[in-house]
Amino acid sequence: MEPPKRILELRPHPLAFAWLYILWIYIMVISVVFYLYHDVIIEYASTIPLLGGWISSYAPLILWFIASAVPLIIASIIKISWRYALIGILIGLVLPIILWYFQGTWYPYLYYAGTAIAVLGIIGAEFHRRAHRYIITDRGLIIEYHGLKSVRREILYSRISDLVLEKGLLGRIFNYGNIVPISSSGLGLGEDTAHVGVGVGAAKGVGAGVIVAGGRGVKVARTRSYYMLYGVPDPERVYEVITEAIRGTEEAPYLKRILETLEKKTSV
C-alpha cells in the first residue's frame, strides 16, 4: 500500500498560547515591581496595625506569595491542569524557603530568580508551541506532540463523525482557531456540567433531614492541544481542506464500485 500523501503541514499560530506567554510575562513584571518597591512595601506595611513591628519586614514575602501563586492556581482551574498551581507554589513558597536556607536571606535574590524563571518560562512556552505538529493527508489526520512527553494521534477520515471549528476573540482578530476532529468513539468531546443541591437539616439529636440534588451536563468539543488541531492559522481554509479530503474518501468506494460494474459490463 502506498504511503499517505501529505496535503498540508501546520503548527499552532504564535498567539495560540498567548495566555501562557502572558502568565510568564506577569511573573517577570511582578518580580521587577517587587524589586523596585521592596522598601516601600515594608514602610507601608509598618503603618498597618496587623502588620506592624517585625512582621512588616515579611510583608513583601506574603504579598509575593499571593501575587505569584494565586494567578497560577486560577490558571490551573481554568485549564484543568494542576501543573500551573504547582509552579505557583514552587515560585511563591518553596523558592523563598530555598533561598533563605542557602543564602541566609531571600532579598533580593528572590526577585532575581523570579525574573530568570519567567524568562525560562517564556522560552519553554515557545518550545511547547513548536512541539505541536499537525499533518493533513489524503487518508486522515496525524497529530503529533514532542515535548516533555511524546503523543501521536492518527485518525482516518472514515473514523471522524464530526468536525468542529472554533475561534475566540483573539482568533477572530488574528485569524487562528481550533479544529476538533471528533471520532466515532467520542474522543474530542468534553462536558460542561452544572450542579444544584439543596439540604435541610434538623437539630442535633432529632436525626431528620432532606437533601435534594440535581445536575445537568452538555457535551462540548473539547480536548487537549495534542489531540486536536489547536490554534492553527487560517482555520477556515484548513477546515475546507479537511472536509474536501473527507468527501474524497467517502466518494472513493462508490467510484470504485461504479468502475467495477462498468468493467464487468464491457467484458461481457
C-alpha atoms as a PDB file:
ATOM      1  CA  MET A   1       0.000   0.000   0.000  1.00  0.00           C
ATOM      2  CA  GLU A   2       1.282   3.446  -0.889  1.00  0.00           C
ATOM      3  CA  PRO A   3       2.062   5.814   1.998  1.00  0.00           C
ATOM      4  CA  PRO A   4      -0.465   8.613   2.556  1.00  0.00           C
ATOM      5  CA  LYS A   5       0.067  11.781   0.547  1.00  0.00           C
ATOM      6  CA  ARG A   6       0.697  14.930   2.594  1.00  0.00           C
ATOM      7  CA  ILE A   7      -1.615  17.789   1.711  1.00  0.00           C
ATOM      8  CA  LEU A   8      -0.756  20.291   4.431  1.00  0.00           C
ATOM      9  CA  GLU A   9       1.537  20.551   7.469  1.00  0.00           C
ATOM     10  CA  LEU A  10       0.839  23.042  10.257  1.00  0.00           C
ATOM     11  CA  ARG A  11       1.904  24.257  13.677  1.00  0.00           C
ATOM     12  CA  PRO A  12      -0.060  26.436  16.126  1.00  0.00           C
ATOM     13  CA  HIS A  13      -0.211  30.165  15.480  1.00  0.00           C
ATOM     14  CA  PRO A  14       2.322  32.209  17.567  1.00  0.00           C
ATOM     15  CA  LEU A  15      -0.613  33.667  19.534  1.00  0.00           C
ATOM     16  CA  ALA A  16      -2.322  30.307  20.120  1.00  0.00           C
ATOM     17  CA  PHE A  17      -0.616  30.029  23.520  1.00  0.00           C
ATOM     18  CA  ALA A  18      -0.814  33.757  24.277  1.00  0.00           C
ATOM     19  CA  TRP A  19      -2.240  33.037  27.749  1.00  0.00           C
ATOM     20  CA  LEU A  20       0.927  31.055  28.574  1.00  0.00           C
ATOM     21  CA  TYR A  21       3.258  33.859  27.459  1.00  0.00           C
ATOM     22  CA  ILE A  22       1.170  36.394  29.386  1.00  0.00           C
ATOM     23  CA  LEU A  23       1.413  34.260  32.526  1.00  0.00           C
ATOM     24  CA  TRP A  24       5.216  34.235  32.449  1.00  0.00           C
ATOM     25  CA  ILE A  25       5.407  37.899  31.488  1.00  0.00           C
ATOM     26  CA  TYR A  26       3.245  38.589  34.547  1.00  0.00           C
ATOM     27  CA  ILE A  27       5.751  36.746  36.771  1.00  0.00           C
ATOM     28  CA  MET A  28       8.536  38.842  35.243  1.00  0.00           C
ATOM     29  CA  VAL A  29       6.635  42.092  35.812  1.00  0.00           C
ATOM     30  CA  ILE A  30       5.840  41.404  39.473  1.00  0.00           C
ATOM     31  CA  SER A  31       9.478  40.371  40.040  1.00  0.00           C
ATOM     32  CA  VAL A  32      10.663  43.755  38.739  1.00  0.00           C
ATOM     33  CA  VAL A  33       7.938  45.692  40.604  1.00  0.00           C
ATOM     34  CA  PHE A  34       8.645  43.951  43.919  1.00  0.00           C
ATOM     35  CA  TYR A  35      12.371  44.584  43.480  1.00  0.00           C
ATOM     36  CA  LEU A  36      11.851  48.297  42.803  1.00  0.00           C
ATOM     37  CA  TYR A  37       9.283  48.867  45.565  1.00  0.00           C
ATOM     38  CA  HIS A  38      10.523  46.419  48.201  1.00  0.00           C
ATOM     39  CA  ASP A  39      11.300  49.145  50.775  1.00  0.00           C
ATOM     40  CA  VAL A  40       8.062  50.985  50.012  1.00  0.00           C
ATOM     41  CA  ILE A  41       6.049  47.815  50.725  1.00  0.00           C
ATOM     42  CA  ILE A  42       7.800  47.359  54.084  1.00  0.00           C
ATOM     43  CA  GLU A  43       7.270  51.016  55.018  1.00  0.00           C
ATOM     44  CA  TYR A  44       3.575  50.890  54.108  1.00  0.00           C
ATOM     45  CA  ALA A  45       3.064  47.556  55.913  1.00  0.00           C
ATOM     46  CA  SER A  46       4.528  49.021  59.139  1.00  0.00           C
ATOM     47  CA  THR A  47       1.647  51.522  59.263  1.00  0.00           C
ATOM     48  CA  ILE A  48      -0.974  48.747  59.243  1.00  0.00           C
ATOM     49  CA  PRO A  49      -1.821  47.582  62.813  1.00  0.00           C
ATOM     50  CA  LEU A  50      -1.921  43.881  61.966  1.00  0.00           C
ATOM     51  CA  LEU A  51       1.367  44.084  60.052  1.00  0.00           C
ATOM     52  CA  GLY A  52       3.250  46.386  62.381  1.00  0.00           C
ATOM     53  CA  GLY A  53       6.518  45.537  64.105  1.00  0.00           C
ATOM     54  CA  TRP A  54       8.810  42.734  62.988  1.00  0.00           C
ATOM     55  CA  ILE A  55       6.197  41.130  60.730  1.00  0.00           C
ATOM     56  CA  SER A  56       6.224  44.167  58.417  1.00  0.00           C
ATOM     57  CA  SER A  57       9.614  43.062  57.064  1.00  0.00           C
ATOM     58  CA  TYR A  58       7.918  39.902  55.775  1.00  0.00           C
ATOM     59  CA  ALA A  59       5.061  41.779  54.082  1.00  0.00           C
ATOM     60  CA  PRO A  60       6.766  41.669  50.640  1.00  0.00           C
ATOM     61  CA  LEU A  61       7.157  37.911  51.030  1.00  0.00           C
ATOM     62  CA  ILE A  62       3.485  37.453  51.917  1.00  0.00           C
ATOM     63  CA  LEU A  63       2.358  39.647  49.033  1.00  0.00           C
ATOM     64  CA  TRP A  64       4.819  37.857  46.736  1.00  0.00           C
ATOM     65  CA  PHE A  65       3.199  34.512  47.514  1.00  0.00           C
ATOM     66  CA  ILE A  66      -0.281  35.925  46.884  1.00  0.00           C
ATOM     67  CA  ALA A  67       0.736  37.681  43.659  1.00  0.00           C
ATOM     68  CA  SER A  68       2.683  34.759  42.187  1.00  0.00           C
ATOM     69  CA  ALA A  69       0.741  31.702  43.335  1.00  0.00           C
ATOM     70  CA  VAL A  70      -2.905  32.817  43.072  1.00  0.00           C
ATOM     71  CA  PRO A  71      -2.923  33.595  39.308  1.00  0.00           C
ATOM     72  CA  LEU A  72      -1.249  30.247  38.561  1.00  0.00           C
ATOM     73  CA  ILE A  73      -3.780  28.417  40.723  1.00  0.00           C
ATOM     74  CA  ILE A  74      -6.596  30.152  38.819  1.00  0.00           C
ATOM     75  CA  ALA A  75      -4.925  29.138  35.532  1.00  0.00           C
ATOM     76  CA  SER A  76      -4.832  25.527  36.776  1.00  0.00           C
ATOM     77  CA  ILE A  77      -8.568  25.573  37.447  1.00  0.00           C
ATOM     78  CA  ILE A  78      -9.346  27.089  34.037  1.00  0.00           C
ATOM     79  CA  LYS A  79      -7.031  24.740  32.133  1.00  0.00           C
ATOM     80  CA  ILE A  80      -7.898  21.714  34.317  1.00  0.00           C
ATOM     81  CA  SER A  81      -4.195  21.037  34.922  1.00  0.00           C
ATOM     82  CA  TRP A  82      -2.544  21.226  38.342  1.00  0.00           C
ATOM     83  CA  ARG A  83       0.937  21.803  36.905  1.00  0.00           C
ATOM     84  CA  TYR A  84       0.418  25.576  36.950  1.00  0.00           C
ATOM     85  CA  ALA A  85      -0.678  25.536  40.602  1.00  0.00           C
ATOM     86  CA  LEU A  86       2.424  23.501  41.399  1.00  0.00           C
ATOM     87  CA  ILE A  87       4.623  26.046  39.593  1.00  0.00           C
ATOM     88  CA  GLY A  88       2.927  28.874  41.521  1.00  0.00           C
ATOM     89  CA  ILE A  89       3.551  27.179  44.865  1.00  0.00           C
ATOM     90  CA  LEU A  90       7.172  26.486  43.914  1.00  0.00           C
ATOM     91  CA  ILE A  91       7.766  30.117  42.920  1.00  0.00           C
ATOM     92  CA  GLY A  92       5.723  31.703  45.700  1.00  0.00           C
ATOM     93  CA  LEU A  93       6.609  29.469  48.642  1.00  0.00           C
ATOM     94  CA  VAL A  94       9.317  26.885  48.010  1.00  0.00           C
ATOM     95  CA  LEU A  95      11.711  29.237  46.183  1.00  0.00           C
ATOM     96  CA  PRO A  96      11.886  31.792  49.064  1.00  0.00           C
ATOM     97  CA  ILE A  97      12.477  28.973  51.558  1.00  0.00           C
ATOM     98  CA  ILE A  98      15.296  27.518  49.467  1.00  0.00           C
ATOM     99  CA  LEU A  99      16.928  30.932  49.009  1.00  0.00           C
ATOM    100  CA  TRP A 100      16.634  31.725  52.720  1.00  0.00           C
ATOM    101  CA  TYR A 101      18.154  28.353  53.621  1.00  0.00           C
ATOM    102  CA  PHE A 102      21.195  28.702  51.364  1.00  0.00           C
ATOM    103  CA  GLN A 103      21.694  32.493  51.358  1.00  0.00           C
ATOM    104  CA  GLY A 104      20.533  33.351  54.863  1.00  0.00           C
ATOM    105  CA  THR A 105      18.199  35.869  53.228  1.00  0.00           C
ATOM    106  CA  TRP A 106      15.729  35.896  50.381  1.00  0.00           C
ATOM    107  CA  TYR A 107      16.024  39.549  49.300  1.00  0.00           C
ATOM    108  CA  PRO A 108      16.888  40.487  46.553  1.00  0.00           C
ATOM    109  CA  TYR A 109      17.699  37.004  45.223  1.00  0.00           C
ATOM    110  CA  LEU A 110      14.025  36.027  45.122  1.00  0.00           C
ATOM    111  CA  TYR A 111      13.255  38.730  42.560  1.00  0.00           C
ATOM    112  CA  TYR A 112      16.340  37.847  40.510  1.00  0.00           C
ATOM    113  CA  ALA A 113      15.260  34.210  40.496  1.00  0.00           C
ATOM    114  CA  GLY A 114      11.663  35.141  39.642  1.00  0.00           C
ATOM    115  CA  THR A 115      12.831  37.126  36.612  1.00  0.00           C
ATOM    116  CA  ALA A 116      15.130  34.308  35.463  1.00  0.00           C
ATOM    117  CA  ILE A 117      12.370  31.701  35.864  1.00  0.00           C
ATOM    118  CA  ALA A 118       9.971  33.915  33.891  1.00  0.00           C
ATOM    119  CA  VAL A 119      12.467  34.202  31.017  1.00  0.00           C
ATOM    120  CA  LEU A 120      12.922  30.419  31.001  1.00  0.00           C
ATOM    121  CA  GLY A 121       9.128  30.045  31.118  1.00  0.00           C
ATOM    122  CA  ILE A 122       8.677  32.219  28.018  1.00  0.00           C
ATOM    123  CA  ILE A 123      11.311  30.180  26.165  1.00  0.00           C
ATOM    124  CA  GLY A 124       9.634  26.965  27.348  1.00  0.00           C
ATOM    125  CA  ALA A 125       6.247  28.218  26.115  1.00  0.00           C
ATOM    126  CA  GLU A 126       7.706  28.746  22.652  1.00  0.00           C
ATOM    127  CA  PHE A 127       9.215  25.238  22.673  1.00  0.00           C
ATOM    128  CA  HIS A 128       5.804  23.932  23.798  1.00  0.00           C
ATOM    129  CA  ARG A 129       4.149  25.628  20.817  1.00  0.00           C
ATOM    130  CA  ARG A 130       6.717  24.282  18.374  1.00  0.00           C
ATOM    131  CA  ALA A 131       6.375  20.770  19.824  1.00  0.00           C
ATOM    132  CA  HIS A 132       2.938  20.518  18.158  1.00  0.00           C
ATOM    133  CA  ARG A 133       2.728  19.392  14.542  1.00  0.00           C
ATOM    134  CA  TYR A 134      -0.390  18.689  12.500  1.00  0.00           C
ATOM    135  CA  ILE A 135      -0.244  16.806   9.202  1.00  0.00           C
ATOM    136  CA  ILE A 136      -3.222  16.600   6.847  1.00  0.00           C
ATOM    137  CA  THR A 137      -3.001  13.691   4.421  1.00  0.00           C
ATOM    138  CA  ASP A 138      -5.308  12.256   1.783  1.00  0.00           C
ATOM    139  CA  ARG A 139      -6.332   9.493   4.209  1.00  0.00           C
ATOM    140  CA  GLY A 140      -6.577  11.165   7.595  1.00  0.00           C
ATOM    141  CA  LEU A 141      -5.075  13.479  10.182  1.00  0.00           C
ATOM    142  CA  ILE A 142      -1.783  12.987  12.012  1.00  0.00           C
ATOM    143  CA  ILE A 143      -1.403  14.978  15.231  1.00  0.00           C
ATOM    144  CA  GLU A 144       1.985  14.892  16.943  1.00  0.00           C
ATOM    145  CA  TYR A 145       3.432  16.407  20.097  1.00  0.00           C
ATOM    146  CA  HIS A 146       7.072  16.004  21.080  1.00  0.00           C
ATOM    147  CA  GLY A 147       7.679  17.929  24.290  1.00  0.00           C
ATOM    148  CA  LEU A 148       8.193  16.612  27.814  1.00  0.00           C
ATOM    149  CA  LYS A 149       6.135  13.671  26.617  1.00  0.00           C
ATOM    150  CA  SER A 150       5.521  12.309  23.163  1.00  0.00           C
ATOM    151  CA  VAL A 151       1.997  11.917  21.776  1.00  0.00           C
ATOM    152  CA  ARG A 152       0.880  10.844  18.313  1.00  0.00           C
ATOM    153  CA  ARG A 153      -2.748  10.622  17.231  1.00  0.00           C
ATOM    154  CA  GLU A 154      -3.683   9.365  13.787  1.00  0.00           C
ATOM    155  CA  ILE A 155      -7.336   9.369  12.809  1.00  0.00           C
ATOM    156  CA  LEU A 156      -8.684   8.201   9.466  1.00  0.00           C
ATOM    157  CA  TYR A 157     -11.335  10.298   7.776  1.00  0.00           C
ATOM    158  CA  SER A 158     -13.678   7.321   7.887  1.00  0.00           C
ATOM    159  CA  ARG A 159     -13.476   7.430  11.712  1.00  0.00           C
ATOM    160  CA  ILE A 160     -14.348  11.125  12.009  1.00  0.00           C
ATOM    161  CA  SER A 161     -18.005  11.548  12.975  1.00  0.00           C
ATOM    162  CA  ASP A 162     -17.897  15.343  13.287  1.00  0.00           C
ATOM    163  CA  LEU A 163     -15.531  18.244  12.698  1.00  0.00           C
ATOM    164  CA  VAL A 164     -15.786  21.403  14.813  1.00  0.00           C
ATOM    165  CA  LEU A 165     -14.219  24.787  14.053  1.00  0.00           C
ATOM    166  CA  GLU A 166     -13.986  27.360  16.844  1.00  0.00           C
ATOM    167  CA  LYS A 167     -12.385  30.801  17.087  1.00  0.00           C
ATOM    168  CA  GLY A 168     -12.066  33.004  20.153  1.00  0.00           C
ATOM    169  CA  LEU A 169     -11.860  36.776  20.243  1.00  0.00           C
ATOM    170  CA  LEU A 170      -8.117  36.890  19.532  1.00  0.00           C
ATOM    171  CA  GLY A 171      -8.580  34.176  16.930  1.00  0.00           C
ATOM    172  CA  ARG A 172     -11.116  36.274  15.061  1.00  0.00           C
ATOM    173  CA  ILE A 173      -8.781  39.281  15.133  1.00  0.00           C
ATOM    174  CA  PHE A 174      -5.580  37.458  14.137  1.00  0.00           C
ATOM    175  CA  ASN A 175      -7.216  34.651  12.124  1.00  0.00           C
ATOM    176  CA  TYR A 176      -6.419  31.468  14.018  1.00  0.00           C
ATOM    177  CA  GLY A 177      -8.574  28.853  15.712  1.00  0.00           C
ATOM    178  CA  ASN A 178      -9.111  25.260  16.807  1.00  0.00           C
ATOM    179  CA  ILE A 179     -10.315  22.383  14.672  1.00  0.00           C
ATOM    180  CA  VAL A 180     -11.547  19.453  16.755  1.00  0.00           C
ATOM    181  CA  PRO A 181     -11.945  16.099  14.989  1.00  0.00           C
ATOM    182  CA  ILE A 182     -14.496  14.063  16.938  1.00  0.00           C
ATOM    183  CA  SER A 183     -14.105  10.350  16.432  1.00  0.00           C
ATOM    184  CA  SER A 184     -16.889   7.788  16.449  1.00  0.00           C
ATOM    185  CA  SER A 185     -15.634   6.643  19.866  1.00  0.00           C
ATOM    186  CA  GLY A 186     -16.225  10.149  21.291  1.00  0.00           C
ATOM    187  CA  LEU A 187     -12.586  11.280  21.539  1.00  0.00           C
ATOM    188  CA  GLY A 188     -12.629  15.067  21.186  1.00  0.00           C
ATOM    189  CA  LEU A 189     -15.711  15.614  23.341  1.00  0.00           C
ATOM    190  CA  GLY A 190     -15.781  17.145  26.823  1.00  0.00           C
ATOM    191  CA  GLU A 191     -18.630  18.096  29.087  1.00  0.00           C
ATOM    192  CA  ASP A 192     -19.781  21.289  30.777  1.00  0.00           C
ATOM    193  CA  THR A 193     -21.759  20.451  33.892  1.00  0.00           C
ATOM    194  CA  ALA A 194     -23.891  22.384  36.363  1.00  0.00           C
ATOM    195  CA  HIS A 195     -24.952  21.026  39.741  1.00  0.00           C
ATOM    196  CA  VAL A 196     -27.533  22.276  42.202  1.00  0.00           C
ATOM    197  CA  GLY A 197     -28.004  20.948  45.707  1.00  0.00           C
ATOM    198  CA  VAL A 198     -30.424  21.838  48.496  1.00  0.00           C
ATOM    199  CA  GLY A 199     -30.136  20.484  52.002  1.00  0.00           C
ATOM    200  CA  VAL A 200     -32.447  20.743  55.014  1.00  0.00           C
ATOM    201  CA  GLY A 201     -31.227  19.583  58.419  1.00  0.00           C
ATOM    202  CA  ALA A 202     -32.781  19.183  61.830  1.00  0.00           C
ATOM    203  CA  ALA A 203     -31.489  19.937  65.323  1.00  0.00           C
ATOM    204  CA  LYS A 204     -28.932  17.690  66.895  1.00  0.00           C
ATOM    205  CA  GLY A 205     -30.442  14.523  68.262  1.00  0.00           C
ATOM    206  CA  VAL A 206     -33.529  14.603  66.033  1.00  0.00           C
ATOM    207  CA  GLY A 207     -31.821  12.898  63.119  1.00  0.00           C
ATOM    208  CA  ALA A 208     -34.106  14.139  60.354  1.00  0.00           C
ATOM    209  CA  GLY A 209     -33.039  15.775  57.105  1.00  0.00           C
ATOM    210  CA  VAL A 210     -33.834  16.204  53.428  1.00  0.00           C
ATOM    211  CA  ILE A 211     -31.312  16.583  50.625  1.00  0.00           C
ATOM    212  CA  VAL A 212     -32.279  17.356  47.036  1.00  0.00           C
ATOM    213  CA  ALA A 213     -29.581  17.393  44.339  1.00  0.00           C
ATOM    214  CA  GLY A 214     -29.639  17.712  40.584  1.00  0.00           C
ATOM    215  CA  GLY A 215     -27.236  18.161  37.717  1.00  0.00           C
ATOM    216  CA  ARG A 216     -27.132  18.723  34.010  1.00  0.00           C
ATOM    217  CA  GLY A 217     -24.337  18.244  31.504  1.00  0.00           C
ATOM    218  CA  VAL A 218     -23.801  19.497  27.966  1.00  0.00           C
ATOM    219  CA  LYS A 219     -21.433  17.758  25.555  1.00  0.00           C
ATOM    220  CA  VAL A 220     -18.937  20.173  24.003  1.00  0.00           C
ATOM    221  CA  ALA A 221     -15.993  19.882  21.616  1.00  0.00           C
ATOM    222  CA  ARG A 222     -13.015  19.983  23.971  1.00  0.00           C
ATOM    223  CA  THR A 223      -9.755  18.078  24.309  1.00  0.00           C
ATOM    224  CA  ARG A 224      -6.028  18.595  24.856  1.00  0.00           C
ATOM    225  CA  SER A 225      -3.987  20.629  22.361  1.00  0.00           C
ATOM    226  CA  TYR A 226      -2.151  17.467  21.255  1.00  0.00           C
ATOM    227  CA  TYR A 227      -5.388  15.652  20.366  1.00  0.00           C
ATOM    228  CA  MET A 228      -6.776  18.324  18.037  1.00  0.00           C
ATOM    229  CA  LEU A 229      -5.557  20.979  15.603  1.00  0.00           C
ATOM    230  CA  TYR A 230      -5.002  23.686  18.209  1.00  0.00           C
ATOM    231  CA  GLY A 231      -4.696  27.345  17.233  1.00  0.00           C
ATOM    232  CA  VAL A 232      -3.921  26.734  13.558  1.00  0.00           C
ATOM    233  CA  PRO A 233      -3.542  29.759  11.238  1.00  0.00           C
ATOM    234  CA  ASP A 234      -6.317  30.438   8.701  1.00  0.00           C
ATOM    235  CA  PRO A 235      -8.622  27.768  10.193  1.00  0.00           C
ATOM    236  CA  GLU A 236     -11.405  28.247   7.625  1.00  0.00           C
ATOM    237  CA  ARG A 237      -9.071  27.212   4.803  1.00  0.00           C
ATOM    238  CA  VAL A 238      -7.752  24.266   6.821  1.00  0.00           C
ATOM    239  CA  TYR A 239     -11.333  23.231   7.619  1.00  0.00           C
ATOM    240  CA  GLU A 240     -12.211  23.282   3.911  1.00  0.00           C
ATOM    241  CA  VAL A 241      -9.127  21.211   3.023  1.00  0.00           C
ATOM    242  CA  ILE A 242     -10.081  18.570   5.582  1.00  0.00           C
ATOM    243  CA  THR A 243     -13.749  18.446   4.565  1.00  0.00           C
ATOM    244  CA  GLU A 244     -12.782  18.106   0.901  1.00  0.00           C
ATOM    245  CA  ALA A 245     -10.450  15.237   1.789  1.00  0.00           C
ATOM    246  CA  ILE A 246     -13.237  13.591   3.804  1.00  0.00           C
ATOM    247  CA  ARG A 247     -15.621  13.877   0.850  1.00  0.00           C
ATOM    248  CA  GLY A 248     -12.978  12.352  -1.403  1.00  0.00           C
ATOM    249  CA  THR A 249     -12.577   9.319   0.823  1.00  0.00           C
ATOM    250  CA  GLU A 250     -16.368   8.934   1.091  1.00  0.00           C
ATOM    251  CA  GLU A 251     -16.804   9.057  -2.688  1.00  0.00           C
ATOM    252  CA  ALA A 252     -13.895   6.732  -3.453  1.00  0.00           C
ATOM    253  CA  PRO A 253     -15.688   3.438  -2.577  1.00  0.00           C
ATOM    254  CA  TYR A 254     -18.707   4.398  -4.708  1.00  0.00           C
ATOM    255  CA  LEU A 255     -16.499   5.339  -7.660  1.00  0.00           C
ATOM    256  CA  LYS A 256     -14.653   2.056  -7.282  1.00  0.00           C
ATOM    257  CA  ARG A 257     -17.935   0.113  -7.400  1.00  0.00           C
ATOM    258  CA  ILE A 258     -19.054   2.042 -10.484  1.00  0.00           C
ATOM    259  CA  LEU A 259     -15.767   1.282 -12.256  1.00  0.00           C
ATOM    260  CA  GLU A 260     -16.012  -2.395 -11.325  1.00  0.00           C
ATOM    261  CA  THR A 261     -19.587  -2.515 -12.662  1.00  0.00           C
ATOM    262  CA  LEU A 262     -18.539  -0.840 -15.926  1.00  0.00           C
ATOM    263  CA  GLU A 263     -15.621  -3.229 -16.322  1.00  0.00           C
ATOM    264  CA  LYS A 264     -17.922  -6.213 -15.878  1.00  0.00           C
ATOM    265  CA  LYS A 265     -20.376  -4.879 -18.470  1.00  0.00           C
ATOM    266  CA  THR A 266     -17.678  -4.123 -21.021  1.00  0.00           C
ATOM    267  CA  SER A 267     -16.081  -7.558 -20.529  1.00  0.00           C
ATOM    268  CA  VAL A 268     -19.376  -9.339 -21.291  1.00  0.00           C
END
